[in-house]
Amino acid sequence: MRGEYKVPGGKLVAVDVEVEDSRIVHAAVSGDFFLEPDEALADINGAIVGLSASASADQISHAITGALSEGVSLIGFTPAAVGIAVRRALGHATGWSDHTFDVIAPVTLNPAMHVALDEVITKEVAAGVRPPTLRFWDWNAPLVVIGSFQSFRNEIDPEGTARHGIGVVRRISGGGAMFMEPGNCITYSLHVPTSLVEGLSFEQSYAFLDDWVMTALADVGISARYVPLNDIASDKGKIAGAAQKRFAAGSVLHHVTMAYDIDADKMLDVLRIGREKMSDKGTKSANKRVDPMRSQTGLPRDEIIARFLASFEAGHQTRRSDYTPAEYAAAQQLMDEKFLTDDWTHRVP
């Protein structure tokens, strides 16, 4: 059995294993990584042999670490990466190539509907009703989407939201606020089974699930990197933030918002904490814009999204899809009973 794992920003790790009586009896690690001295490869293989076929990625990593002599250099990979590859070989974890993804192009909806669809579709992935799904948002009204654990009173200026006619909805994932007006951001949600991030820490899974978008950003002329825990940045500063929610039923929601062309003055009139975050970024002048995706690419927002879709489809097994009537109905019910209620929106006062 063979498993592979590409370290984000690093090298490919592959492993072939054989199992007898629920124990690993043979292991052969390979890849385009660097390892000094050469003899350490035999130590890595030897550490895997004898382990239970149900050993966790952490247990495999710990065994490898314990078997390596002081002074061994692993370059482009880690014991944890080997552990993930072994878990994939044993069928406990999956890789990108093990799945065919539904891809949903932007559909213009009430932005609160997209917040609700995040929950609906992630639960469907866990239940096997939908395959893993990548979907892009589009919306027809302004909205501030606050993180699951943010304080409403500390984050939102009610006079500002009233002045600009902007609603507020709390999402199910953590992280910071999203200031969303039609056309000002690029937002996508990735709904995947937990098996795809099996063995990864939360921090590792952020970079892993957005590895594809680094290629997509390069395709539109932006050299980007991941900044732990959840930011994507270029040489000119932050361009995006990610948030994530893991469901006990067996799925993960991972979504990203990129600033395309935001009215910073309006944003700072609506978000209290935004004033502190932006205080050192030169946004006090009138009509200041936060526009990294527009200014750095010179492309219309729709074209950037189209290129992102093309990039994902070029690197993965995909099929184009759309929302079903049942998904719309379930999302509408969640909006009415949860996301548009004061109890949910103000659950952290």
Protein backbone atom coordinates (compact mmCIF):
# COMPACT_ATOMS: atom_id res chain seq x y z
CA MET A 1 0.00 0.00 0.00
CA ARG A 2 1.31 3.43 -0.92
CA GLY A 3 0.68 6.85 0.55
CA GLU A 4 1.94 10.31 -0.39
CA TYR A 5 1.99 13.69 1.32
CA LYS A 6 3.25 16.97 -0.15
CA VAL A 7 4.51 19.25 2.60
CA PRO A 8 3.16 22.79 1.98
CA GLY A 9 6.18 24.80 0.89
CA GLY A 10 8.30 21.65 1.17
CA LYS A 11 8.87 18.32 -0.49
CA LEU A 12 6.94 15.17 -1.40
CA VAL A 13 7.05 12.25 1.01
CA ALA A 14 5.95 8.81 -0.20
CA VAL A 15 5.88 5.50 1.66
CA ASP A 16 5.15 1.92 0.67
CA VAL A 17 4.04 -0.35 3.50
CA GLU A 18 3.03 -3.96 4.01
CA VAL A 19 0.86 -5.16 6.89
CA GLU A 20 0.47 -8.61 8.47
CA ASP A 21 -1.64 -9.40 11.53
CA SER A 22 -2.42 -5.70 12.03
CA ARG A 23 1.29 -4.78 12.22
CA ILE A 24 3.47 -2.97 9.72
CA VAL A 25 6.06 -5.52 8.55
CA HIS A 26 7.70 -3.49 5.77
CA ALA A 27 8.13 0.24 5.14
CA ALA A 28 10.02 2.09 2.42
CA VAL A 29 10.07 5.89 2.57
CA SER A 30 11.02 7.88 -0.53
CA GLY A 31 10.59 11.35 -1.99
CA ASP A 32 12.33 14.44 -3.34
CA PHE A 33 13.37 15.60 0.12
CA PHE A 34 16.94 15.89 1.47
CA LEU A 35 18.31 13.80 4.31
CA GLU A 36 21.71 13.76 5.95
CA PRO A 37 23.32 11.35 6.56
CA ASP A 38 21.97 8.85 4.02
CA GLU A 39 21.95 6.08 6.60
CA ALA A 40 19.15 7.82 8.49
CA LEU A 41 16.66 6.61 5.87
CA ALA A 42 17.08 3.07 7.15
CA ASP A 43 16.42 4.33 10.68
CA ILE A 44 13.20 5.98 9.54
CA ASN A 45 12.02 2.82 7.81
CA GLY A 46 12.99 0.73 10.81
CA ALA A 47 11.03 2.96 13.19
CA ILE A 48 7.86 2.35 11.20
CA VAL A 49 8.21 -1.43 11.04
CA GLY A 50 6.52 -3.11 13.97
CA LEU A 51 4.03 -0.33 14.63
CA SER A 52 0.33 -1.09 14.78
CA ALA A 53 -1.55 -0.55 11.54
CA SER A 54 -3.86 1.71 13.56
CA ALA A 55 -1.04 3.90 14.93
CA SER A 56 -1.81 7.61 14.74
CA ALA A 57 0.28 10.07 12.77
CA ASP A 58 1.57 11.45 16.07
CA GLN A 59 2.62 7.98 17.24
CA ILE A 60 4.43 7.30 13.98
CA SER A 61 6.13 10.70 14.14
CA HIS A 62 7.21 10.07 17.75
CA ALA A 63 8.66 6.67 16.83
CA ILE A 64 10.69 8.16 13.97
CA THR A 65 11.95 11.04 16.09
CA GLY A 66 13.10 8.60 18.76
CA ALA A 67 14.97 6.49 16.22
CA LEU A 68 17.00 9.33 14.71
CA SER A 69 20.45 10.09 16.05
CA GLU A 70 21.46 13.56 17.14
CA GLY A 71 22.68 15.60 14.19
CA VAL A 72 20.40 14.06 11.54
CA SER A 73 19.00 16.73 9.20
CA LEU A 74 15.58 16.37 7.57
CA ILE A 75 15.26 19.06 4.90
CA GLY A 76 11.93 19.72 3.21
CA PHE A 77 10.04 17.22 5.36
CA THR A 78 9.48 16.14 8.97
CA PRO A 79 8.70 12.96 10.92
CA ALA A 80 5.11 14.23 11.09
CA ALA A 81 4.97 14.33 7.27
CA VAL A 82 6.09 10.71 7.15
CA GLY A 83 3.38 9.86 9.67
CA ILE A 84 0.72 11.41 7.47
CA ALA A 85 2.00 9.52 4.40
CA VAL A 86 1.90 6.24 6.36
CA ARG A 87 -1.66 6.93 7.50
CA ARG A 88 -2.67 7.54 3.90
CA ALA A 89 -1.01 4.31 2.80
CA LEU A 90 -2.98 2.44 5.44
CA GLY A 91 -6.26 3.98 4.30
CA HIS A 92 -6.85 6.05 7.43
CA ALA A 93 -6.26 9.37 5.70
CA THR A 94 -6.89 10.69 2.21
CA GLY A 95 -5.15 13.03 -0.20
CA TRP A 96 -6.40 15.49 -2.78
CA SER A 97 -6.18 12.87 -5.53
CA ASP A 98 -8.49 10.52 -3.63
CA HIS A 99 -11.46 12.83 -4.15
CA THR A 100 -13.52 14.33 -6.96
CA PHE A 101 -14.57 17.83 -5.91
CA ASP A 102 -17.82 19.58 -6.68
CA VAL A 103 -17.00 23.11 -7.85
CA ILE A 104 -19.68 25.80 -7.60
CA ALA A 105 -19.06 29.10 -9.40
CA PRO A 106 -20.32 32.33 -7.79
CA VAL A 107 -24.09 32.56 -7.32
CA THR A 108 -25.42 35.93 -6.17
CA LEU A 109 -27.37 35.48 -2.94
CA ASN A 110 -28.18 37.25 0.28
CA PRO A 111 -24.78 37.08 2.03
CA ALA A 112 -26.41 35.55 5.11
CA MET A 113 -27.49 32.68 2.88
CA HIS A 114 -23.84 31.92 2.15
CA VAL A 115 -23.13 31.88 5.88
CA ALA A 116 -25.92 29.32 6.29
CA LEU A 117 -24.79 27.28 3.28
CA ASP A 118 -21.40 26.89 4.95
CA GLU A 119 -23.08 24.82 7.66
CA VAL A 120 -25.47 23.00 5.35
CA ILE A 121 -22.88 21.81 2.85
CA THR A 122 -20.23 20.90 5.42
CA LYS A 123 -22.77 18.65 7.16
CA GLU A 124 -23.69 17.11 3.79
CA VAL A 125 -20.03 16.29 3.14
CA ALA A 126 -19.84 14.56 6.53
CA ALA A 127 -22.98 12.56 5.71
CA GLY A 128 -21.76 11.61 2.22
CA VAL A 129 -24.62 13.49 0.58
CA ARG A 130 -22.14 15.73 -1.24
CA PRO A 131 -18.53 15.09 -2.22
CA PRO A 132 -15.87 17.56 -1.11
CA THR A 133 -16.86 20.96 -2.45
CA LEU A 134 -15.20 24.24 -3.41
CA ARG A 135 -17.61 27.15 -3.81
CA PHE A 136 -17.21 30.87 -4.38
CA TRP A 137 -19.54 33.44 -2.85
CA ASP A 138 -21.26 36.38 -4.46
CA TRP A 139 -23.73 38.61 -2.66
CA ASN A 140 -26.26 41.35 -3.31
CA ALA A 141 -26.15 43.37 -0.08
CA PRO A 142 -23.57 44.66 2.42
CA LEU A 143 -22.92 42.62 5.53
CA VAL A 144 -20.43 42.31 8.37
CA VAL A 145 -19.75 38.67 9.19
CA ILE A 146 -18.21 38.34 12.65
CA GLY A 147 -16.33 35.33 13.99
CA SER A 148 -18.04 32.78 16.19
CA PHE A 149 -16.30 33.98 19.36
CA GLN A 150 -16.07 37.73 18.80
CA SER A 151 -17.78 40.15 21.15
CA PHE A 152 -20.55 41.98 19.30
CA ARG A 153 -20.25 45.18 21.36
CA ASN A 154 -16.47 45.26 21.09
CA GLU A 155 -16.46 44.62 17.35
CA ILE A 156 -19.45 46.51 15.95
CA ASP A 157 -20.33 50.20 16.01
CA PRO A 158 -24.15 50.15 15.82
CA GLU A 159 -24.31 53.79 14.74
CA GLY A 160 -21.98 53.01 11.86
CA THR A 161 -23.94 49.98 10.70
CA ALA A 162 -27.19 51.96 10.89
CA ARG A 163 -25.67 54.90 9.03
CA HIS A 164 -24.52 52.71 6.15
CA GLY A 165 -27.41 50.21 6.19
CA ILE A 166 -25.15 47.23 6.91
CA GLY A 167 -26.37 44.10 8.68
CA VAL A 168 -24.37 41.86 11.01
CA VAL A 169 -24.33 38.04 11.04
CA ARG A 170 -22.25 35.71 13.20
CA ARG A 171 -20.69 32.72 11.41
CA ILE A 172 -19.87 29.27 12.80
CA SER A 173 -16.08 29.55 12.42
CA GLY A 174 -13.71 31.59 14.54
CA GLY A 175 -11.44 34.40 13.40
CA GLY A 176 -12.07 38.05 12.72
CA ALA A 177 -14.74 40.14 11.04
CA MET A 178 -15.40 40.18 7.29
CA PHE A 179 -16.54 43.55 5.93
CA MET A 180 -18.48 42.58 2.81
CA GLU A 181 -19.99 44.90 0.23
CA PRO A 182 -20.93 43.68 -3.26
CA GLY A 183 -17.75 43.38 -5.30
CA ASN A 184 -15.28 44.35 -2.57
CA CYS A 185 -13.97 40.89 -1.59
CA ILE A 186 -13.27 37.46 -3.01
CA THR A 187 -14.57 34.73 -0.71
CA TYR A 188 -14.54 30.97 -1.12
CA SER A 189 -15.47 28.02 1.08
CA LEU A 190 -13.85 24.60 0.97
CA HIS A 191 -15.86 21.73 2.47
CA VAL A 192 -13.83 18.54 2.93
CA PRO A 193 -13.90 15.28 4.89
CA THR A 194 -11.79 15.19 8.03
CA SER A 195 -9.74 12.40 6.43
CA LEU A 196 -8.10 15.01 4.17
CA VAL A 197 -6.51 16.76 7.15
CA GLU A 198 -6.04 13.63 9.28
CA GLY A 199 -2.78 13.86 11.19
CA LEU A 200 -2.42 17.60 10.63
CA SER A 201 -2.51 20.12 13.44
CA PHE A 202 -4.94 23.03 13.10
CA GLU A 203 -2.07 25.27 12.05
CA GLN A 204 -0.80 22.78 9.48
CA SER A 205 -4.27 22.25 8.06
CA TYR A 206 -4.70 25.95 7.30
CA ALA A 207 -1.64 26.01 5.07
CA PHE A 208 -2.44 22.59 3.60
CA LEU A 209 -6.00 23.47 2.56
CA ASP A 210 -4.88 26.72 0.95
CA ASP A 211 -1.83 25.30 -0.82
CA TRP A 212 -3.78 25.29 -4.09
CA VAL A 213 -4.56 28.99 -3.85
CA MET A 214 -0.86 29.87 -3.71
CA THR A 215 -0.63 28.47 -7.24
CA ALA A 216 -3.81 30.32 -8.21
CA LEU A 217 -2.40 33.59 -6.85
CA ALA A 218 0.80 33.07 -8.81
CA ASP A 219 -1.34 32.59 -11.92
CA VAL A 220 -2.69 36.14 -11.49
CA GLY A 221 0.73 37.63 -10.76
CA ILE A 222 0.90 37.58 -6.95
CA SER A 223 3.71 35.85 -5.11
CA ALA A 224 2.05 34.85 -1.85
CA ARG A 225 2.94 32.97 1.32
CA TYR A 226 1.07 31.67 4.33
CA VAL A 227 1.61 33.53 7.59
CA PRO A 228 0.56 31.41 10.59
CA LEU A 229 -1.98 31.03 11.86
CA ASN A 230 -4.46 32.09 9.21
CA ASP A 231 -3.20 34.91 6.98
CA ILE A 232 -2.12 34.95 3.34
CA ALA A 233 0.34 37.71 2.51
CA SER A 234 2.29 39.07 -0.42
CA ASP A 235 5.43 41.18 -0.38
CA LYS A 236 3.14 44.20 -0.05
CA GLY A 237 1.30 42.92 3.01
CA LYS A 238 -1.72 40.87 4.00
CA ILE A 239 -4.20 40.06 1.26
CA ALA A 240 -6.45 37.45 2.90
CA GLY A 241 -7.54 35.76 6.09
CA ALA A 242 -8.79 32.21 6.63
CA ALA A 243 -11.13 30.63 9.17
CA GLN A 244 -11.96 27.02 9.90
CA LYS A 245 -14.52 24.86 11.69
CA ARG A 246 -14.21 21.11 12.27
CA PHE A 247 -17.38 19.05 12.67
CA ALA A 248 -17.39 16.02 14.94
CA ALA A 249 -19.42 14.16 12.30
CA GLY A 250 -16.33 14.05 10.06
CA SER A 251 -15.95 17.17 7.95
CA VAL A 252 -14.12 20.48 7.88
CA LEU A 253 -15.22 23.93 6.75
CA HIS A 254 -12.36 26.14 5.59
CA HIS A 255 -13.08 29.53 4.10
CA VAL A 256 -11.00 32.50 2.95
CA THR A 257 -11.78 36.14 2.28
CA MET A 258 -9.44 38.22 0.11
CA ALA A 259 -9.64 42.00 -0.03
CA TYR A 260 -10.32 43.09 -3.61
CA ASP A 261 -11.28 46.76 -3.22
CA ILE A 262 -12.57 47.79 0.22
CA ASP A 263 -13.66 51.26 1.31
CA ALA A 264 -11.48 51.51 4.41
CA ASP A 265 -13.19 54.65 5.71
CA LYS A 266 -16.57 52.92 5.73
CA MET A 267 -15.09 49.77 7.21
CA LEU A 268 -13.52 51.74 10.06
CA ASP A 269 -16.84 53.50 10.64
CA VAL A 270 -18.51 50.13 11.15
CA LEU A 271 -15.85 48.03 12.90
CA ARG A 272 -14.52 49.23 16.25
CA ILE A 273 -11.57 46.86 16.47
CA GLY A 274 -10.73 47.62 12.86
CA ARG A 275 -9.65 51.11 13.93
CA GLU A 276 -6.99 49.66 16.21
CA LYS A 277 -5.85 47.09 13.65
CA MET A 278 -5.62 49.68 10.89
CA SER A 279 -4.17 52.52 12.97
CA ASP A 280 -0.63 51.91 11.72
CA LYS A 281 -1.54 51.30 8.08
CA GLY A 282 -2.02 54.87 6.86
CA THR A 283 -5.81 54.75 6.46
CA LYS A 284 -6.72 58.08 8.03
CA SER A 285 -6.98 59.99 4.76
CA ALA A 286 -10.37 60.28 3.11
CA ASN A 287 -11.44 57.68 0.54
CA LYS A 288 -8.56 55.36 1.37
CA ARG A 289 -8.93 51.94 -0.24
CA VAL A 290 -7.75 48.52 0.82
CA ASP A 291 -7.30 46.98 -2.60
CA PRO A 292 -4.46 44.43 -2.73
CA MET A 293 -6.12 42.04 -5.19
CA ARG A 294 -7.20 44.81 -7.57
CA SER A 295 -4.03 46.88 -7.44
CA GLN A 296 -1.60 43.95 -7.51
CA THR A 297 -3.27 42.08 -10.37
CA GLY A 298 -4.85 44.88 -12.42
CA LEU A 299 -7.66 42.41 -13.14
CA PRO A 300 -11.44 42.65 -12.71
CA ARG A 301 -12.73 40.66 -9.75
CA ASP A 302 -14.72 38.27 -11.97
CA GLU A 303 -11.62 37.42 -13.98
CA ILE A 304 -9.61 36.66 -10.85
CA ILE A 305 -12.34 34.28 -9.66
CA ALA A 306 -12.48 32.63 -13.09
CA ARG A 307 -8.72 32.07 -13.02
CA PHE A 308 -8.91 30.67 -9.50
CA LEU A 309 -11.56 28.20 -10.63
CA ALA A 310 -9.47 27.20 -13.64
CA SER A 311 -6.40 26.75 -11.46
CA PHE A 312 -8.21 24.49 -9.00
CA GLU A 313 -9.79 22.45 -11.78
CA ALA A 314 -6.43 22.02 -13.50
CA GLY A 315 -4.88 20.50 -10.38
CA HIS A 316 -7.74 18.36 -9.05
CA GLN A 317 -10.44 15.95 -10.15
CA THR A 318 -13.57 18.10 -10.33
CA ARG A 319 -17.08 18.40 -11.65
CA ARG A 320 -19.15 21.58 -11.96
CA SER A 321 -22.16 21.66 -9.68
CA ASP A 322 -24.85 23.95 -8.29
CA TYR A 323 -26.93 24.28 -5.14
CA THR A 324 -29.95 22.01 -4.85
CA PRO A 325 -33.46 23.11 -3.86
CA ALA A 326 -33.04 21.11 -0.64
CA GLU A 327 -29.84 23.01 0.20
CA TYR A 328 -31.51 26.35 -0.41
CA ALA A 329 -34.43 25.33 1.80
CA ALA A 330 -32.15 24.10 4.58
CA ALA A 331 -30.09 27.29 4.42
CA GLN A 332 -33.21 29.46 4.52
CA GLN A 333 -34.41 27.59 7.59
CA LEU A 334 -31.04 28.10 9.29
CA MET A 335 -31.17 31.80 8.48
CA ASP A 336 -34.64 32.14 10.01
CA GLU A 337 -34.00 30.00 13.08
CA LYS A 338 -30.33 30.76 13.79
CA PHE A 339 -28.22 33.18 11.80
CA LEU A 340 -30.69 36.09 11.65
CA THR A 341 -31.77 35.79 15.29
CA ASP A 342 -30.58 38.06 18.09
CA ASP A 343 -29.87 35.04 20.29
CA TRP A 344 -27.22 33.79 17.87
CA THR A 345 -25.84 37.13 16.72
CA HIS A 346 -25.43 38.40 20.31
CA ARG A 347 -24.47 35.09 21.90
CA VAL A 348 -21.14 36.73 22.79
CA PRO A 349 -22.39 40.18 23.90
